[in-house]
Amino acid sequence: MTEVPYGRYEEAYKAIHSALMGLTCPPPGRKLTKLGFTWNPDGTVATLKAYDGADLLFILTFTWNNEGTLREVART
């Protein structure tokens, strides 16, 4: 992802949107029909599972910093 200088909000929103679209794009010929979530004990999201019908397409795993900010999202 491209770094955007502070204060350039429109560019930042576009960069975030592009990164999320790539991260959540289903494989060719498939579509997202269902999402499943798991949660950490502190209430933060642990995983997001994306399905096409009953078929699992991918899992997003969220890693959090100690102060509660998002550290990483990984797709498997």
PDB file of N, CA and C in Angstrom:
ATOM      1  N   MET A   1       0.845  -1.167   0.000  1.00  0.00           N
ATOM      2  CA  MET A   1       0.000   0.000   0.000  1.00  0.00           C
ATOM      3  C   MET A   1       0.892   1.232   0.000  1.00  0.00           C
ATOM      4  N   THR A   2       0.477   2.231  -0.739  1.00  0.00           N
ATOM      5  CA  THR A   2       1.210   3.486  -0.834  1.00  0.00           C
ATOM      6  C   THR A   2       0.977   4.322   0.417  1.00  0.00           C
ATOM      7  N   GLU A   3       2.039   4.922   0.938  1.00  0.00           N
ATOM      8  CA  GLU A   3       1.881   5.819   2.086  1.00  0.00           C
ATOM      9  C   GLU A   3       1.381   7.171   1.607  1.00  0.00           C
ATOM     10  N   VAL A   4       0.448   7.735   2.361  1.00  0.00           N
ATOM     11  CA  VAL A   4      -0.152   9.016   2.026  1.00  0.00           C
ATOM     12  C   VAL A   4       0.222  10.008   3.119  1.00  0.00           C
ATOM     13  N   PRO A   5       0.744  11.193   2.752  1.00  0.00           N
ATOM     14  CA  PRO A   5       1.099  12.187   3.760  1.00  0.00           C
ATOM     15  C   PRO A   5      -0.117  12.602   4.599  1.00  0.00           C
ATOM     16  N   TYR A   6       0.126  12.891   5.865  1.00  0.00           N
ATOM     17  CA  TYR A   6      -0.927  13.322   6.783  1.00  0.00           C
ATOM     18  C   TYR A   6      -1.646  14.548   6.230  1.00  0.00           C
ATOM     19  N   GLY A   7      -2.958  14.553   6.374  1.00  0.00           N
ATOM     20  CA  GLY A   7      -3.760  15.688   5.942  1.00  0.00           C
ATOM     21  C   GLY A   7      -4.333  15.539   4.543  1.00  0.00           C
ATOM     22  N   ARG A   8      -3.920  14.551   3.809  1.00  0.00           N
ATOM     23  CA  ARG A   8      -4.437  14.336   2.451  1.00  0.00           C
ATOM     24  C   ARG A   8      -5.522  13.256   2.530  1.00  0.00           C
ATOM     25  N   TYR A   9      -6.656  13.658   3.085  1.00  0.00           N
ATOM     26  CA  TYR A   9      -7.709  12.706   3.422  1.00  0.00           C
ATOM     27  C   TYR A   9      -8.305  12.006   2.206  1.00  0.00           C
ATOM     28  N   GLU A  10      -8.540  12.730   1.130  1.00  0.00           N
ATOM     29  CA  GLU A  10      -9.129  12.099  -0.053  1.00  0.00           C
ATOM     30  C   GLU A  10      -8.214  11.002  -0.592  1.00  0.00           C
ATOM     31  N   GLU A  11      -6.908  11.277  -0.645  1.00  0.00           N
ATOM     32  CA  GLU A  11      -5.951  10.271  -1.105  1.00  0.00           C
ATOM     33  C   GLU A  11      -5.910   9.084  -0.143  1.00  0.00           C
ATOM     34  N   ALA A  12      -5.992   9.366   1.149  1.00  0.00           N
ATOM     35  CA  ALA A  12      -5.962   8.297   2.145  1.00  0.00           C
ATOM     36  C   ALA A  12      -7.179   7.394   2.006  1.00  0.00           C
ATOM     37  N   TYR A  13      -8.360   7.982   1.832  1.00  0.00           N
ATOM     38  CA  TYR A  13      -9.578   7.184   1.679  1.00  0.00           C
ATOM     39  C   TYR A  13      -9.490   6.300   0.436  1.00  0.00           C
ATOM     40  N   LYS A  14      -8.960   6.845  -0.651  1.00  0.00           N
ATOM     41  CA  LYS A  14      -8.813   6.060  -1.878  1.00  0.00           C
ATOM     42  C   LYS A  14      -7.827   4.906  -1.666  1.00  0.00           C
ATOM     43  N   ALA A  15      -6.730   5.162  -0.963  1.00  0.00           N
ATOM     44  CA  ALA A  15      -5.734   4.121  -0.705  1.00  0.00           C
ATOM     45  C   ALA A  15      -6.319   3.021   0.176  1.00  0.00           C
ATOM     46  N   ILE A  16      -7.075   3.403   1.196  1.00  0.00           N
ATOM     47  CA  ILE A  16      -7.712   2.417   2.075  1.00  0.00           C
ATOM     48  C   ILE A  16      -8.719   1.594   1.280  1.00  0.00           C
ATOM     49  N   HIS A  17      -9.527   2.256   0.481  1.00  0.00           N
ATOM     50  CA  HIS A  17     -10.529   1.558  -0.332  1.00  0.00           C
ATOM     51  C   HIS A  17      -9.854   0.553  -1.273  1.00  0.00           C
ATOM     52  N   SER A  18      -8.795   0.960  -1.940  1.00  0.00           N
ATOM     53  CA  SER A  18      -8.093   0.068  -2.867  1.00  0.00           C
ATOM     54  C   SER A  18      -7.511  -1.140  -2.132  1.00  0.00           C
ATOM     55  N   ALA A  19      -6.917  -0.914  -0.968  1.00  0.00           N
ATOM     56  CA  ALA A  19      -6.324  -2.011  -0.201  1.00  0.00           C
ATOM     57  C   ALA A  19      -7.395  -2.993   0.250  1.00  0.00           C
ATOM     58  N   LEU A  20      -8.531  -2.483   0.721  1.00  0.00           N
ATOM     59  CA  LEU A  20      -9.609  -3.363   1.170  1.00  0.00           C
ATOM     60  C   LEU A  20     -10.238  -4.127   0.019  1.00  0.00           C
ATOM     61  N   MET A  21     -10.381  -3.490  -1.129  1.00  0.00           N
ATOM     62  CA  MET A  21     -10.960  -4.167  -2.281  1.00  0.00           C
ATOM     63  C   MET A  21     -10.074  -5.343  -2.700  1.00  0.00           C
ATOM     64  N   GLY A  22      -8.772  -5.146  -2.697  1.00  0.00           N
ATOM     65  CA  GLY A  22      -7.867  -6.233  -3.046  1.00  0.00           C
ATOM     66  C   GLY A  22      -7.874  -7.340  -2.010  1.00  0.00           C
ATOM     67  N   LEU A  23      -7.989  -6.977  -0.763  1.00  0.00           N
ATOM     68  CA  LEU A  23      -7.965  -7.930   0.338  1.00  0.00           C
ATOM     69  C   LEU A  23      -9.235  -8.762   0.398  1.00  0.00           C
ATOM     70  N   THR A  24     -10.358  -8.187   0.011  1.00  0.00           N
ATOM     71  CA  THR A  24     -11.645  -8.876   0.142  1.00  0.00           C
ATOM     72  C   THR A  24     -12.229  -9.351  -1.181  1.00  0.00           C
ATOM     73  N   CYS A  25     -11.470  -9.272  -2.254  1.00  0.00           N
ATOM     74  CA  CYS A  25     -11.958  -9.677  -3.570  1.00  0.00           C
ATOM     75  C   CYS A  25     -12.070 -11.205  -3.633  1.00  0.00           C
ATOM     76  N   PRO A  26     -13.248 -11.724  -4.016  1.00  0.00           N
ATOM     77  CA  PRO A  26     -13.379 -13.181  -4.131  1.00  0.00           C
ATOM     78  C   PRO A  26     -12.618 -13.699  -5.349  1.00  0.00           C
ATOM     79  N   PRO A  27     -12.306 -14.998  -5.366  1.00  0.00           N
ATOM     80  CA  PRO A  27     -11.648 -15.584  -6.540  1.00  0.00           C
ATOM     81  C   PRO A  27     -12.518 -15.412  -7.780  1.00  0.00           C
ATOM     82  N   PRO A  28     -11.917 -15.441  -8.973  1.00  0.00           N
ATOM     83  CA  PRO A  28     -12.694 -15.300 -10.212  1.00  0.00           C
ATOM     84  C   PRO A  28     -13.828 -16.326 -10.289  1.00  0.00           C
ATOM     85  N   GLY A  29     -14.992 -15.851 -10.704  1.00  0.00           N
ATOM     86  CA  GLY A  29     -16.144 -16.723 -10.846  1.00  0.00           C
ATOM     87  C   GLY A  29     -16.892 -17.015  -9.574  1.00  0.00           C
ATOM     88  N   ARG A  30     -16.433 -16.464  -8.461  1.00  0.00           N
ATOM     89  CA  ARG A  30     -17.092 -16.684  -7.168  1.00  0.00           C
ATOM     90  C   ARG A  30     -17.657 -15.374  -6.670  1.00  0.00           C
ATOM     91  N   LYS A  31     -18.593 -15.444  -5.713  1.00  0.00           N
ATOM     92  CA  LYS A  31     -19.140 -14.234  -5.120  1.00  0.00           C
ATOM     93  C   LYS A  31     -19.306 -14.442  -3.623  1.00  0.00           C
ATOM     94  N   LEU A  32     -19.267 -13.343  -2.886  1.00  0.00           N
ATOM     95  CA  LEU A  32     -19.470 -13.401  -1.443  1.00  0.00           C
ATOM     96  C   LEU A  32     -20.957 -13.452  -1.161  1.00  0.00           C
ATOM     97  N   THR A  33     -21.378 -14.504  -0.453  1.00  0.00           N
ATOM     98  CA  THR A  33     -22.791 -14.629  -0.104  1.00  0.00           C
ATOM     99  C   THR A  33     -23.015 -14.642   1.399  1.00  0.00           C
ATOM    100  N   LYS A  34     -21.943 -14.900   2.153  1.00  0.00           N
ATOM    101  CA  LYS A  34     -22.085 -14.980   3.609  1.00  0.00           C
ATOM    102  C   LYS A  34     -20.761 -14.615   4.267  1.00  0.00           C
ATOM    103  N   LEU A  35     -20.842 -13.915   5.395  1.00  0.00           N
ATOM    104  CA  LEU A  35     -19.670 -13.593   6.205  1.00  0.00           C
ATOM    105  C   LEU A  35     -19.868 -14.177   7.590  1.00  0.00           C
ATOM    106  N   GLY A  36     -18.805 -14.720   8.162  1.00  0.00           N
ATOM    107  CA  GLY A  36     -18.821 -15.222   9.534  1.00  0.00           C
ATOM    108  C   GLY A  36     -17.705 -14.557  10.318  1.00  0.00           C
ATOM    109  N   PHE A  37     -17.968 -14.249  11.579  1.00  0.00           N
ATOM    110  CA  PHE A  37     -17.000 -13.550  12.424  1.00  0.00           C
ATOM    111  C   PHE A  37     -16.686 -14.365  13.668  1.00  0.00           C
ATOM    112  N   THR A  38     -15.442 -14.260  14.144  1.00  0.00           N
ATOM    113  CA  THR A  38     -15.084 -14.719  15.485  1.00  0.00           C
ATOM    114  C   THR A  38     -14.493 -13.525  16.213  1.00  0.00           C
ATOM    115  N   TRP A  39     -14.607 -13.548  17.541  1.00  0.00           N
ATOM    116  CA  TRP A  39     -14.223 -12.395  18.353  1.00  0.00           C
ATOM    117  C   TRP A  39     -13.202 -12.793  19.406  1.00  0.00           C
ATOM    118  N   ASN A  40     -12.318 -11.865  19.726  1.00  0.00           N
ATOM    119  CA  ASN A  40     -11.374 -12.032  20.830  1.00  0.00           C
ATOM    120  C   ASN A  40     -12.100 -11.750  22.141  1.00  0.00           C
ATOM    121  N   PRO A  41     -11.560 -12.217  23.262  1.00  0.00           N
ATOM    122  CA  PRO A  41     -12.199 -11.953  24.564  1.00  0.00           C
ATOM    123  C   PRO A  41     -12.395 -10.466  24.868  1.00  0.00           C
ATOM    124  N   ASP A  42     -11.549  -9.599  24.302  1.00  0.00           N
ATOM    125  CA  ASP A  42     -11.673  -8.161  24.569  1.00  0.00           C
ATOM    126  C   ASP A  42     -12.689  -7.473  23.655  1.00  0.00           C
ATOM    127  N   GLY A  43     -13.353  -8.238  22.793  1.00  0.00           N
ATOM    128  CA  GLY A  43     -14.384  -7.678  21.927  1.00  0.00           C
ATOM    129  C   GLY A  43     -13.914  -7.271  20.548  1.00  0.00           C
ATOM    130  N   THR A  44     -12.626  -7.388  20.260  1.00  0.00           N
ATOM    131  CA  THR A  44     -12.131  -7.075  18.921  1.00  0.00           C
ATOM    132  C   THR A  44     -12.366  -8.271  18.010  1.00  0.00           C
ATOM    133  N   VAL A  45     -12.498  -8.004  16.724  1.00  0.00           N
ATOM    134  CA  VAL A  45     -12.715  -9.082  15.768  1.00  0.00           C
ATOM    135  C   VAL A  45     -11.426  -9.892  15.623  1.00  0.00           C
ATOM    136  N   ALA A  46     -11.552 -11.228  15.634  1.00  0.00           N
ATOM    137  CA  ALA A  46     -10.398 -12.111  15.474  1.00  0.00           C
ATOM    138  C   ALA A  46     -10.275 -12.557  14.021  1.00  0.00           C
ATOM    139  N   THR A  47     -11.389 -13.046  13.457  1.00  0.00           N
ATOM    140  CA  THR A  47     -11.372 -13.488  12.067  1.00  0.00           C
ATOM    141  C   THR A  47     -12.678 -13.114  11.375  1.00  0.00           C
ATOM    142  N   LEU A  48     -12.580 -12.988  10.071  1.00  0.00           N
ATOM    143  CA  LEU A  48     -13.737 -12.819   9.202  1.00  0.00           C
ATOM    144  C   LEU A  48     -13.625 -13.915   8.153  1.00  0.00           C
ATOM    145  N   LYS A  49     -14.651 -14.761   8.062  1.00  0.00           N
ATOM    146  CA  LYS A  49     -14.667 -15.843   7.085  1.00  0.00           C
ATOM    147  C   LYS A  49     -15.641 -15.478   5.979  1.00  0.00           C
ATOM    148  N   ALA A  50     -15.191 -15.590   4.726  1.00  0.00           N
ATOM    149  CA  ALA A  50     -16.009 -15.239   3.567  1.00  0.00           C
ATOM    150  C   ALA A  50     -16.402 -16.513   2.828  1.00  0.00           C
ATOM    151  N   TYR A  51     -17.690 -16.629   2.524  1.00  0.00           N
ATOM    152  CA  TYR A  51     -18.235 -17.827   1.886  1.00  0.00           C
ATOM    153  C   TYR A  51     -18.953 -17.498   0.590  1.00  0.00           C
ATOM    154  N   ASP A  52     -18.959 -18.467  -0.316  1.00  0.00           N
ATOM    155  CA  ASP A  52     -19.845 -18.490  -1.473  1.00  0.00           C
ATOM    156  C   ASP A  52     -20.725 -19.711  -1.236  1.00  0.00           C
ATOM    157  N   GLY A  53     -21.942 -19.482  -0.757  1.00  0.00           N
ATOM    158  CA  GLY A  53     -22.786 -20.589  -0.324  1.00  0.00           C
ATOM    159  C   GLY A  53     -22.144 -21.251   0.883  1.00  0.00           C
ATOM    160  N   ALA A  54     -21.916 -22.566   0.800  1.00  0.00           N
ATOM    161  CA  ALA A  54     -21.268 -23.293   1.895  1.00  0.00           C
ATOM    162  C   ALA A  54     -19.757 -23.376   1.730  1.00  0.00           C
ATOM    163  N   ASP A  55     -19.230 -22.892   0.601  1.00  0.00           N
ATOM    164  CA  ASP A  55     -17.797 -22.977   0.314  1.00  0.00           C
ATOM    165  C   ASP A  55     -17.042 -21.802   0.929  1.00  0.00           C
ATOM    166  N   LEU A  56     -16.057 -22.117   1.773  1.00  0.00           N
ATOM    167  CA  LEU A  56     -15.198 -21.089   2.359  1.00  0.00           C
ATOM    168  C   LEU A  56     -14.250 -20.572   1.285  1.00  0.00           C
ATOM    169  N   LEU A  57     -14.272 -19.251   1.056  1.00  0.00           N
ATOM    170  CA  LEU A  57     -13.411 -18.641   0.045  1.00  0.00           C
ATOM    171  C   LEU A  57     -12.082 -18.190   0.632  1.00  0.00           C
ATOM    172  N   PHE A  58     -12.142 -17.497   1.759  1.00  0.00           N
ATOM    173  CA  PHE A  58     -10.917 -17.025   2.407  1.00  0.00           C
ATOM    174  C   PHE A  58     -11.238 -16.610   3.836  1.00  0.00           C
ATOM    175  N   ILE A  59     -10.178 -16.445   4.611  1.00  0.00           N
ATOM    176  CA  ILE A  59     -10.293 -15.983   6.001  1.00  0.00           C
ATOM    177  C   ILE A  59      -9.395 -14.763   6.162  1.00  0.00           C
ATOM    178  N   LEU A  60      -9.928 -13.713   6.764  1.00  0.00           N
ATOM    179  CA  LEU A  60      -9.119 -12.569   7.175  1.00  0.00           C
ATOM    180  C   LEU A  60      -8.859 -12.708   8.669  1.00  0.00           C
ATOM    181  N   THR A  61      -7.586 -12.663   9.052  1.00  0.00           N
ATOM    182  CA  THR A  61      -7.204 -12.759  10.460  1.00  0.00           C
ATOM    183  C   THR A  61      -6.669 -11.406  10.904  1.00  0.00           C
ATOM    184  N   PHE A  62      -7.223 -10.885  11.997  1.00  0.00           N
ATOM    185  CA  PHE A  62      -6.887  -9.555  12.504  1.00  0.00           C
ATOM    186  C   PHE A  62      -5.960  -9.683  13.702  1.00  0.00           C
ATOM    187  N   THR A  63      -4.873  -8.914  13.693  1.00  0.00           N
ATOM    188  CA  THR A  63      -3.921  -8.860  14.801  1.00  0.00           C
ATOM    189  C   THR A  63      -3.952  -7.449  15.375  1.00  0.00           C
ATOM    190  N   TRP A  64      -4.014  -7.362  16.699  1.00  0.00           N
ATOM    191  CA  TRP A  64      -4.174  -6.075  17.391  1.00  0.00           C
ATOM    192  C   TRP A  64      -2.967  -5.765  18.258  1.00  0.00           C
ATOM    193  N   ASN A  65      -2.624  -4.480  18.355  1.00  0.00           N
ATOM    194  CA  ASN A  65      -1.587  -4.016  19.285  1.00  0.00           C
ATOM    195  C   ASN A  65      -2.160  -4.001  20.698  1.00  0.00           C
ATOM    196  N   ASN A  66      -1.290  -3.951  21.691  1.00  0.00           N
ATOM    197  CA  ASN A  66      -1.722  -3.956  23.091  1.00  0.00           C
ATOM    198  C   ASN A  66      -2.656  -2.803  23.436  1.00  0.00           C
ATOM    199  N   GLU A  67      -2.474  -1.648  22.792  1.00  0.00           N
ATOM    200  CA  GLU A  67      -3.307  -0.489  23.107  1.00  0.00           C
ATOM    201  C   GLU A  67      -4.631  -0.502  22.339  1.00  0.00           C
ATOM    202  N   GLY A  68      -4.879  -1.567  21.555  1.00  0.00           N
ATOM    203  CA  GLY A  68      -6.159  -1.718  20.881  1.00  0.00           C
ATOM    204  C   GLY A  68      -6.222  -1.243  19.453  1.00  0.00           C
ATOM    205  N   THR A  69      -5.095  -0.824  18.883  1.00  0.00           N
ATOM    206  CA  THR A  69      -5.096  -0.417  17.478  1.00  0.00           C
ATOM    207  C   THR A  69      -4.794  -1.630  16.597  1.00  0.00           C
ATOM    208  N   LEU A  70      -5.313  -1.593  15.395  1.00  0.00           N
ATOM    209  CA  LEU A  70      -5.119  -2.695  14.460  1.00  0.00           C
ATOM    210  C   LEU A  70      -3.675  -2.727  13.969  1.00  0.00           C
ATOM    211  N   ARG A  71      -3.057  -3.882  14.087  1.00  0.00           N
ATOM    212  CA  ARG A  71      -1.669  -4.050  13.641  1.00  0.00           C
ATOM    213  C   ARG A  71      -1.599  -4.616  12.228  1.00  0.00           C
ATOM    214  N   GLU A  72      -2.425  -5.651  11.964  1.00  0.00           N
ATOM    215  CA  GLU A  72      -2.296  -6.338  10.678  1.00  0.00           C
ATOM    216  C   GLU A  72      -3.583  -7.074  10.347  1.00  0.00           C
ATOM    217  N   VAL A  73      -3.864  -7.186   9.061  1.00  0.00           N
ATOM    218  CA  VAL A  73      -4.920  -8.053   8.550  1.00  0.00           C
ATOM    219  C   VAL A  73      -4.256  -8.975   7.537  1.00  0.00           C
ATOM    220  N   ALA A  74      -4.390 -10.277   7.748  1.00  0.00           N
ATOM    221  CA  ALA A  74      -3.787 -11.260   6.838  1.00  0.00           C
ATOM    222  C   ALA A  74      -4.884 -12.108   6.214  1.00  0.00           C
ATOM    223  N   ARG A  75      -4.729 -12.393   4.934  1.00  0.00           N
ATOM    224  CA  ARG A  75      -5.702 -13.229   4.221  1.00  0.00           C
ATOM    225  C   ARG A  75      -5.112 -14.606   3.968  1.00  0.00           C
ATOM    226  N   THR A  76      -5.896 -15.636   4.292  1.00  0.00           N
ATOM    227  CA  THR A  76      -5.473 -17.010   4.018  1.00  0.00           C
ATOM    228  C   THR A  76      -6.564 -17.731   3.256  1.00  0.00           C
TER     229      THR A  76
END
